[in-house]
Amino acid sequence: MSKSIPELSAVMPAYNEQEVLPVAVAKAVTALDDLCEAWELVVVDDGSTDRTPEILQEWSQRDSRVRIATQPENAGYSQALIRGFAECRYEAVFYTDADAQFDLHDIADLYPKLVEVDMVTGYRIGRQDRFIRFITSGVYNRLQGWSLGIRVRDVNCAFKLFRRSYFERVQLSSEGFLIDAEIYARAKMAGLTWTQVGVRHKPRELGSTTVKVSTVLETLRELRALKQQLSREARELEDSAKQKPAQVQ
């Protein structure tokens, strides 16, 4: 397979994923090696209390391109991702979860489109999750899209590719679980562009999800707070622009 990507930083948050993590990292390393001339895999250990730290230490000793970013305490999915993005060194930045439900070879379908947009996001084809999670995800997807005014097929799909410049123009701050919604909302606010690509989705074969399933009430509460924060920032930018003196011709 030809290496079609010059350089890529991949972020993978992990919290108590000792069962699936060896498989997830091994598959990620294989795919990144197949696709990229230069790459790094930044795994964020979000305060794990199982063997996740030991497994990551073994991997980093085996391959220096596997880098560990350790959160001393569990700060949650959003903060783990934000930490991971801050650690990235290459011009293309990707993230996925540590559950091995995606084939990272599919990054090859996203990368060519990054020439035209600021981020390329996946949507799950043939989603392989439990029925209840499939339904709740659909509800949350509509709630987030409606509240923030974004039209996206699969907001929370953990398969997203960015230009590094995205993170130079956008400052993510989510502390709850709405990091994906914030990624889109802040992109829209900054005038950044994206496109969507279908990616294959596989059933989870090892371990179980450690991501907290939120209630509709919690989702609405966080969405309201995020929307208010974005509106406040937009007003501040507008006021700042009005206060700037007119440029002399």
Protein backbone atom coordinates (compact mmCIF):
# COMPACT_ATOMS: atom_id res chain seq x y z
CA MET A 1 0.00 0.00 0.00
CA SER A 2 1.39 3.42 -0.95
CA LYS A 3 1.88 5.94 1.85
CA SER A 4 -0.50 8.67 0.71
CA ILE A 5 -0.29 10.91 3.80
CA PRO A 6 2.92 12.89 4.43
CA GLU A 7 2.38 13.34 8.18
CA LEU A 8 -0.41 12.75 10.68
CA SER A 9 -1.04 13.07 14.40
CA ALA A 10 -3.71 10.67 15.68
CA VAL A 11 -5.36 11.21 19.08
CA MET A 12 -6.98 8.37 21.03
CA PRO A 13 -8.51 9.02 24.47
CA ALA A 14 -8.58 6.01 26.78
CA TYR A 15 -10.15 5.43 30.18
CA ASN A 16 -10.04 1.96 31.77
CA GLU A 17 -9.75 0.22 28.40
CA GLN A 18 -7.38 -2.60 29.39
CA GLU A 19 -9.32 -5.27 27.52
CA VAL A 20 -9.54 -3.65 24.10
CA LEU A 21 -6.58 -1.23 24.22
CA PRO A 22 -3.87 -3.68 23.05
CA VAL A 23 -5.99 -4.46 19.98
CA ALA A 24 -6.94 -0.83 19.34
CA VAL A 25 -3.34 0.42 19.51
CA ALA A 26 -1.99 -2.47 17.42
CA LYS A 27 -4.55 -1.87 14.67
CA ALA A 28 -3.95 1.88 14.78
CA VAL A 29 -0.18 1.43 14.48
CA THR A 30 -0.60 -0.92 11.51
CA ALA A 31 -2.94 1.45 9.68
CA LEU A 32 -0.84 4.55 10.37
CA ASP A 33 2.29 2.72 9.21
CA ASP A 34 0.51 1.69 6.00
CA LEU A 35 -0.82 5.19 5.24
CA CYS A 36 1.68 7.75 6.55
CA GLU A 37 5.26 8.74 5.87
CA ALA A 38 5.49 10.23 9.37
CA TRP A 39 2.99 9.75 12.17
CA GLU A 40 2.41 9.78 15.90
CA LEU A 41 -0.31 8.19 18.00
CA VAL A 42 -1.11 10.32 21.06
CA VAL A 43 -3.02 8.18 23.55
CA VAL A 44 -4.51 10.18 26.40
CA ASP A 45 -4.80 8.12 29.58
CA ASP A 46 -7.66 9.89 31.32
CA GLY A 47 -6.87 8.87 34.89
CA SER A 48 -7.34 5.13 34.34
CA THR A 49 -7.36 2.85 37.38
CA ASP A 50 -6.92 -0.48 35.57
CA ARG A 51 -3.91 -1.72 33.52
CA THR A 52 -4.30 0.97 30.84
CA PRO A 53 -1.16 2.90 31.99
CA GLU A 54 1.00 -0.25 31.96
CA ILE A 55 -0.24 -1.27 28.50
CA LEU A 56 0.54 2.19 27.12
CA GLN A 57 3.98 2.22 28.74
CA GLU A 58 4.79 -1.09 27.06
CA TRP A 59 3.70 0.30 23.70
CA SER A 60 5.66 3.54 24.03
CA GLN A 61 8.81 1.58 24.89
CA ARG A 62 8.25 -0.62 21.86
CA ASP A 63 7.53 2.24 19.43
CA SER A 64 8.49 5.86 20.22
CA ARG A 65 5.79 7.09 17.83
CA VAL A 66 3.21 5.96 20.40
CA ARG A 67 3.14 8.86 22.84
CA ILE A 68 1.33 8.93 26.19
CA ALA A 69 -0.39 12.00 27.61
CA THR A 70 -1.48 11.29 31.18
CA GLN A 71 -4.31 13.01 33.00
CA PRO A 72 -3.67 12.57 36.76
CA GLU A 73 -7.41 12.25 37.39
CA ASN A 74 -10.37 11.33 35.21
CA ALA A 75 -11.36 14.64 33.63
CA GLY A 76 -13.81 13.24 31.10
CA TYR A 77 -13.91 12.59 27.37
CA SER A 78 -13.95 16.23 26.24
CA GLN A 79 -10.96 17.28 28.32
CA ALA A 80 -9.03 14.18 27.27
CA LEU A 81 -9.51 15.10 23.62
CA ILE A 82 -8.56 18.73 24.20
CA ARG A 83 -5.36 17.56 25.94
CA GLY A 84 -4.60 15.23 23.05
CA PHE A 85 -5.08 17.92 20.41
CA ALA A 86 -2.68 20.19 22.32
CA GLU A 87 0.00 17.48 22.20
CA CYS A 88 -0.13 17.01 18.40
CA ARG A 89 2.88 18.02 16.31
CA TYR A 90 1.93 17.31 12.69
CA GLU A 91 -0.05 19.28 10.12
CA ALA A 92 -2.95 16.81 9.84
CA VAL A 93 -4.72 15.89 13.10
CA PHE A 94 -7.10 12.94 13.48
CA TYR A 95 -8.99 11.45 16.38
CA THR A 96 -10.83 8.24 17.14
CA ASP A 97 -11.84 6.21 20.19
CA ALA A 98 -9.97 3.34 21.85
CA ASP A 99 -12.75 0.78 21.23
CA ALA A 100 -11.44 -0.57 17.88
CA GLN A 101 -14.80 -0.01 16.15
CA PHE A 102 -13.23 1.76 13.17
CA ASP A 103 -10.62 0.73 10.61
CA LEU A 104 -8.11 3.57 10.51
CA HIS A 105 -7.27 2.67 6.92
CA ASP A 106 -10.45 4.64 6.13
CA ILE A 107 -8.49 7.82 6.88
CA ALA A 108 -7.30 7.42 3.28
CA ASP A 109 -10.84 8.28 2.13
CA LEU A 110 -10.91 11.48 4.21
CA TYR A 111 -7.42 12.87 3.64
CA PRO A 112 -7.71 13.96 -0.03
CA LYS A 113 -10.70 16.16 0.86
CA LEU A 114 -8.68 18.07 3.46
CA VAL A 115 -7.20 20.14 0.62
CA GLU A 116 -10.56 21.90 0.18
CA VAL A 117 -11.91 22.17 3.74
CA ASP A 118 -10.74 22.70 7.31
CA MET A 119 -12.03 19.37 8.60
CA VAL A 120 -13.36 16.11 7.20
CA THR A 121 -15.73 14.18 9.45
CA GLY A 122 -16.97 10.62 9.28
CA TYR A 123 -20.48 9.29 9.58
CA ARG A 124 -21.04 5.67 10.50
CA ILE A 125 -22.16 3.30 7.76
CA GLY A 126 -24.04 0.26 9.07
CA ARG A 127 -23.64 1.37 12.66
CA GLN A 128 -22.88 -1.57 14.95
CA ASP A 129 -24.08 -0.47 18.37
CA ARG A 130 -26.76 -1.74 20.72
CA PHE A 131 -30.26 -0.70 19.66
CA ILE A 132 -30.83 1.59 22.65
CA ARG A 133 -27.55 3.42 22.01
CA PHE A 134 -28.42 3.75 18.34
CA ILE A 135 -31.76 5.36 19.23
CA THR A 136 -30.40 7.71 21.92
CA SER A 137 -27.59 8.80 19.64
CA GLY A 138 -30.10 9.69 16.95
CA VAL A 139 -32.08 11.79 19.44
CA TYR A 140 -28.95 13.59 20.66
CA ASN A 141 -27.80 14.18 17.09
CA ARG A 142 -31.06 15.98 16.30
CA LEU A 143 -31.05 17.94 19.57
CA GLN A 144 -27.52 19.19 18.99
CA GLY A 145 -28.14 20.07 15.36
CA TRP A 146 -31.36 21.89 16.15
CA SER A 147 -29.99 23.81 19.13
CA LEU A 148 -26.71 24.91 17.52
CA GLY A 149 -27.92 25.29 13.96
CA ILE A 150 -25.56 22.74 12.44
CA ARG A 151 -26.54 20.26 9.74
CA VAL A 152 -24.52 17.08 10.28
CA ARG A 153 -25.39 13.45 9.67
CA ASP A 154 -23.54 12.00 12.67
CA VAL A 155 -22.34 14.64 15.15
CA ASN A 156 -20.69 12.25 17.59
CA CYS A 157 -18.90 9.97 15.13
CA ALA A 158 -15.39 9.53 16.57
CA PHE A 159 -13.63 9.66 13.22
CA LYS A 160 -12.59 13.24 12.42
CA LEU A 161 -9.66 14.72 10.52
CA PHE A 162 -8.51 18.35 10.81
CA ARG A 163 -5.99 20.74 9.41
CA ARG A 164 -3.71 21.84 12.23
CA SER A 165 -4.83 25.41 11.52
CA TYR A 166 -8.29 24.48 12.84
CA PHE A 167 -6.86 24.45 16.39
CA GLU A 168 -5.06 27.75 15.79
CA ARG A 169 -8.37 29.44 15.00
CA VAL A 170 -10.63 27.58 17.44
CA GLN A 171 -10.26 27.14 21.17
CA LEU A 172 -12.25 24.19 22.51
CA SER A 173 -13.36 24.38 26.13
CA SER A 174 -16.02 21.71 26.71
CA GLU A 175 -15.94 20.01 30.11
CA GLY A 176 -18.99 17.82 29.62
CA PHE A 177 -19.60 15.39 26.80
CA LEU A 178 -20.52 17.79 23.98
CA ILE A 179 -17.02 18.12 22.52
CA ASP A 180 -18.16 16.97 19.07
CA ALA A 181 -21.00 19.47 18.98
CA GLU A 182 -18.57 22.19 20.07
CA ILE A 183 -16.15 21.18 17.31
CA TYR A 184 -18.83 21.89 14.69
CA ALA A 185 -20.33 24.94 16.41
CA ARG A 186 -16.99 26.68 16.80
CA ALA A 187 -16.02 25.83 13.23
CA LYS A 188 -19.23 27.46 12.03
CA MET A 189 -18.64 30.49 14.24
CA ALA A 190 -15.08 30.91 12.89
CA GLY A 191 -16.20 30.55 9.27
CA LEU A 192 -14.40 27.23 8.85
CA THR A 193 -15.60 24.55 6.46
CA TRP A 194 -16.13 20.80 6.58
CA THR A 195 -17.37 17.90 4.55
CA GLN A 196 -18.59 14.43 5.57
CA VAL A 197 -17.51 10.97 4.41
CA GLY A 198 -19.05 7.60 5.24
CA VAL A 199 -16.82 5.22 7.22
CA ARG A 200 -17.25 1.59 8.12
CA HIS A 201 -18.31 0.78 11.66
CA LYS A 202 -17.67 -2.49 13.47
CA PRO A 203 -19.18 -4.01 16.61
CA ARG A 204 -17.24 -3.66 19.82
CA GLU A 205 -15.72 -7.07 20.53
CA LEU A 206 -13.81 -6.43 23.76
CA GLY A 207 -14.57 -4.45 26.90
CA SER A 208 -17.51 -2.13 27.34
CA THR A 209 -17.99 1.57 26.89
CA THR A 210 -16.79 3.79 29.73
CA VAL A 211 -18.47 6.90 28.31
CA LYS A 212 -21.30 8.04 30.55
CA VAL A 213 -24.71 7.87 28.86
CA SER A 214 -26.37 11.21 29.50
CA THR A 215 -30.05 11.88 29.90
CA VAL A 216 -31.97 14.10 27.54
CA LEU A 217 -32.26 16.64 30.40
CA GLU A 218 -28.49 16.71 30.87
CA THR A 219 -27.99 17.08 27.13
CA LEU A 220 -30.40 20.01 26.98
CA ARG A 221 -28.70 21.64 29.97
CA GLU A 222 -25.23 21.36 28.41
CA LEU A 223 -26.51 22.46 25.01
CA ARG A 224 -28.08 25.54 26.57
CA ALA A 225 -24.84 26.40 28.37
CA LEU A 226 -22.77 25.91 25.20
CA LYS A 227 -25.16 27.99 23.12
CA GLN A 228 -25.10 30.79 25.70
CA GLN A 229 -21.31 30.72 25.81
CA LEU A 230 -21.02 30.88 22.02
CA SER A 231 -23.56 33.72 21.84
CA ARG A 232 -21.68 35.66 24.51
CA GLU A 233 -18.38 35.22 22.67
CA ALA A 234 -19.98 36.28 19.38
CA ARG A 235 -21.28 39.48 21.01
CA GLU A 236 -17.87 40.22 22.51
CA LEU A 237 -16.22 39.83 19.09
CA GLU A 238 -18.83 42.09 17.54
CA ASP A 239 -18.35 44.75 20.23
CA SER A 240 -14.58 44.52 19.85
CA ALA A 241 -14.84 45.03 16.10
CA LYS A 242 -17.05 48.09 16.58
CA GLN A 243 -14.55 49.65 18.98
CA LYS A 244 -11.60 49.41 16.59
CA PRO A 245 -10.78 52.77 14.98
CA ALA A 246 -11.49 53.07 11.29
CA GLN A 247 -8.42 52.50 9.15
CA VAL A 248 -7.12 55.64 7.41
CA GLN A 249 -7.27 55.27 3.65
